[in-house]
Protein backbone atom coordinates (compact mmCIF):
# COMPACT_ATOMS: atom_id res chain seq x y z
CA MET A 1 -26.32 56.51 -70.70
CA GLU A 2 -30.00 55.98 -71.49
CA SER A 3 -29.89 52.28 -70.58
CA ARG A 4 -28.25 53.12 -67.28
CA ARG A 5 -31.09 55.49 -66.37
CA ALA A 6 -33.66 52.93 -67.43
CA GLY A 7 -32.03 50.32 -65.18
CA CYS A 8 -31.98 52.69 -62.22
CA GLY A 9 -35.63 53.51 -62.86
CA ARG A 10 -36.64 49.87 -62.72
CA LEU A 11 -34.67 49.31 -59.52
CA ASN A 12 -36.28 52.37 -57.96
CA ALA A 13 -39.72 51.21 -59.12
CA LEU A 14 -39.05 47.81 -57.58
CA ALA A 15 -37.92 49.41 -54.32
CA ALA A 16 -40.91 51.77 -54.26
CA GLY A 17 -43.35 48.90 -54.70
CA GLU A 18 -44.56 50.29 -58.02
CA LEU A 19 -44.33 46.79 -59.46
CA GLY A 20 -46.46 45.40 -56.62
CA GLN A 21 -45.36 44.44 -53.14
CA PHE A 22 -42.61 41.84 -53.45
CA PRO A 23 -43.26 41.16 -57.13
CA LEU A 24 -42.21 37.95 -58.71
CA LEU A 25 -39.25 38.75 -60.88
CA PRO A 26 -38.65 36.77 -64.06
CA THR A 27 -37.05 33.39 -63.53
CA ASN A 28 -33.26 33.58 -63.37
CA THR A 29 -33.15 37.25 -62.33
CA VAL A 30 -29.89 38.38 -60.78
CA LEU A 31 -29.92 41.62 -58.77
CA THR A 32 -26.56 43.32 -58.15
CA PRO A 33 -27.22 46.11 -55.64
CA HIS A 34 -24.63 48.07 -53.72
CA PRO A 35 -25.54 48.70 -50.05
CA GLY A 36 -27.51 51.89 -50.84
CA GLU A 37 -29.64 50.11 -53.43
CA ALA A 38 -30.08 47.12 -51.11
CA ALA A 39 -31.30 49.46 -48.36
CA ARG A 40 -33.94 50.89 -50.72
CA LEU A 41 -35.01 47.42 -51.80
CA LEU A 42 -35.34 46.23 -48.19
CA GLY A 43 -36.75 49.46 -46.76
CA CYS A 44 -33.98 49.99 -44.23
CA SER A 45 -30.83 52.04 -43.76
CA VAL A 46 -27.42 51.47 -45.28
CA ALA A 47 -26.11 51.09 -41.72
CA GLN A 48 -28.51 48.19 -41.17
CA ILE A 49 -27.35 46.53 -44.39
CA GLN A 50 -23.70 46.93 -43.39
CA THR A 51 -24.31 45.68 -39.84
CA ASP A 52 -25.40 42.24 -41.11
CA ARG A 53 -24.51 41.91 -44.78
CA PRO A 54 -25.21 38.14 -44.96
CA ALA A 55 -28.72 38.60 -43.57
CA ALA A 56 -29.36 41.44 -46.02
CA ALA A 57 -28.16 39.40 -49.01
CA GLN A 58 -30.31 36.44 -47.98
CA GLU A 59 -33.33 38.68 -47.40
CA LEU A 60 -32.96 40.16 -50.90
CA ALA A 61 -32.76 36.69 -52.43
CA GLU A 62 -35.75 35.38 -50.47
CA ARG A 63 -37.96 38.46 -50.81
CA TYR A 64 -37.45 38.84 -54.54
CA GLY A 65 -36.93 35.16 -55.45
CA CYS A 66 -33.67 35.89 -57.23
CA VAL A 67 -29.92 35.55 -57.08
CA ALA A 68 -28.72 38.53 -55.05
CA VAL A 69 -25.20 39.87 -55.40
CA LEU A 70 -24.62 42.31 -52.53
CA LYS A 71 -21.66 44.33 -53.74
CA GLY A 72 -19.08 45.82 -51.42
CA SER A 73 -16.15 44.61 -49.40
CA GLY A 74 -16.54 40.86 -49.45
CA THR A 75 -19.30 40.70 -52.08
CA LEU A 76 -21.94 38.12 -51.18
CA ILE A 77 -23.90 35.88 -53.54
CA ALA A 78 -27.18 34.53 -52.17
CA ALA A 79 -30.13 32.62 -53.59
CA PRO A 80 -33.11 30.84 -52.06
CA GLY A 81 -32.14 27.33 -51.02
CA ARG A 82 -28.43 27.83 -51.76
CA GLU A 83 -25.43 28.20 -49.51
CA MET A 84 -24.27 31.82 -49.56
CA LEU A 85 -20.92 32.55 -51.13
CA HIS A 86 -18.45 35.17 -49.92
CA ASN A 87 -16.10 36.50 -52.58
CA PRO A 88 -12.46 36.96 -51.50
CA THR A 89 -11.32 38.95 -54.55
CA GLY A 90 -11.57 42.68 -55.24
CA ASN A 91 -10.39 45.91 -53.66
CA PRO A 92 -11.56 49.45 -52.89
CA GLY A 93 -10.62 50.57 -56.40
CA LEU A 94 -13.91 49.00 -57.51
CA ALA A 95 -15.85 51.64 -55.56
CA ARG A 96 -16.02 53.82 -58.63
CA GLY A 97 -18.88 54.58 -60.97
CA GLY A 98 -18.92 52.14 -63.86
CA SER A 99 -17.32 49.19 -62.07
CA GLY A 100 -20.73 47.67 -61.46
CA ASP A 101 -21.52 48.07 -65.16
CA VAL A 102 -18.44 45.99 -66.00
CA LEU A 103 -19.64 43.33 -63.54
CA ALA A 104 -23.15 43.39 -65.05
CA GLY A 105 -21.71 42.94 -68.54
CA MET A 106 -19.58 40.03 -67.41
CA LEU A 107 -22.59 38.46 -65.73
CA ALA A 108 -24.74 38.89 -68.84
CA ALA A 109 -22.04 37.31 -70.99
CA LEU A 110 -21.82 34.27 -68.72
CA LEU A 111 -25.61 33.91 -68.64
CA ALA A 112 -25.69 34.13 -72.45
CA GLN A 113 -23.17 31.28 -72.57
CA GLY A 114 -25.57 29.08 -70.64
CA LEU A 115 -24.30 29.24 -67.06
CA ALA A 116 -26.97 28.95 -64.38
CA PRO A 117 -27.66 32.32 -62.70
CA PHE A 118 -26.05 31.46 -59.35
CA ASP A 119 -22.98 30.01 -61.04
CA ALA A 120 -22.73 32.92 -63.47
CA ALA A 121 -22.98 35.41 -60.59
CA ALA A 122 -20.31 33.61 -58.55
CA CYS A 123 -18.00 33.36 -61.56
CA ALA A 124 -18.51 36.97 -62.68
CA VAL A 125 -17.97 38.33 -59.17
CA TRP A 126 -14.77 36.32 -58.66
CA LEU A 127 -13.35 37.18 -62.09
CA HIS A 128 -14.27 40.85 -61.70
CA GLY A 129 -12.50 41.02 -58.34
CA ALA A 130 -9.47 39.04 -59.52
CA ALA A 131 -9.07 41.32 -62.54
CA ALA A 132 -9.42 44.37 -60.26
CA ASP A 133 -6.74 42.99 -57.92
CA ARG A 134 -4.39 42.48 -60.85
CA CYS A 135 -5.25 45.94 -62.18
CA ALA A 136 -4.52 47.56 -58.81
CA ALA A 137 -1.15 45.84 -58.70
CA ARG A 138 -0.38 47.05 -62.22
CA THR A 139 -1.62 50.63 -61.73
CA SER A 140 -3.03 51.46 -58.29
CA GLN A 141 -6.37 51.32 -56.50
CA LEU A 142 -6.51 55.11 -56.63
CA THR A 143 -6.04 55.45 -60.37
CA MET A 144 -7.67 52.34 -61.84
CA LEU A 145 -10.75 52.96 -63.94
CA PRO A 146 -13.48 50.46 -64.79
CA HIS A 147 -12.29 50.01 -68.37
CA ASP A 148 -8.75 49.26 -67.09
CA ILE A 149 -10.10 46.09 -65.48
CA LEU A 150 -10.85 44.58 -68.89
CA THR A 151 -7.16 44.37 -69.82
CA ASP A 152 -6.49 42.41 -66.67
CA LEU A 153 -9.63 40.31 -67.09
CA ALA A 154 -8.21 38.91 -70.32
CA ASP A 155 -5.00 37.92 -68.50
CA VAL A 156 -6.91 36.28 -65.63
CA VAL A 157 -9.07 34.26 -68.03
CA LYS A 158 -6.01 33.20 -70.07
CA GLU A 159 -4.26 32.12 -66.88
CA LEU A 160 -7.26 30.05 -65.77
CA THR A 161 -8.08 28.47 -69.11
CA GLY A 162 -4.73 28.32 -70.81
CA ARG A 163 -6.16 30.14 -73.85
């Protein structure tokens, strides 16, 4: 739980400008905000984020010089100078505390294996959503928990890779 609080603290510090106005983040940074976090980072309301999600995702990427993964229905992946991607996988069962932590772990694993940040983000988001879709079919969107997704993630990866 300590690392989770530390991560939230850094995001809040970034949003509050405590790291300087529009600080340069380390190269290859990937931010994965939900709409509430994106609103804090951009200094606007959640309603404004939701009204034009693509513009918000692109603004995050441009302002912070990072890969931005705007979570929510139709998760968006944006980066400066790249075509934005819209993820078709996932379901409302992901709107549960801890689901974003699973996504962050998947993303970190793909980055550690050498994938470029944009590619790792796109891959992690798609796999996370596909595993959640399979999990919802196996259990239900109402009862699935973040750790349940991991069982289905293994099946999705096996299906894609043959191993």
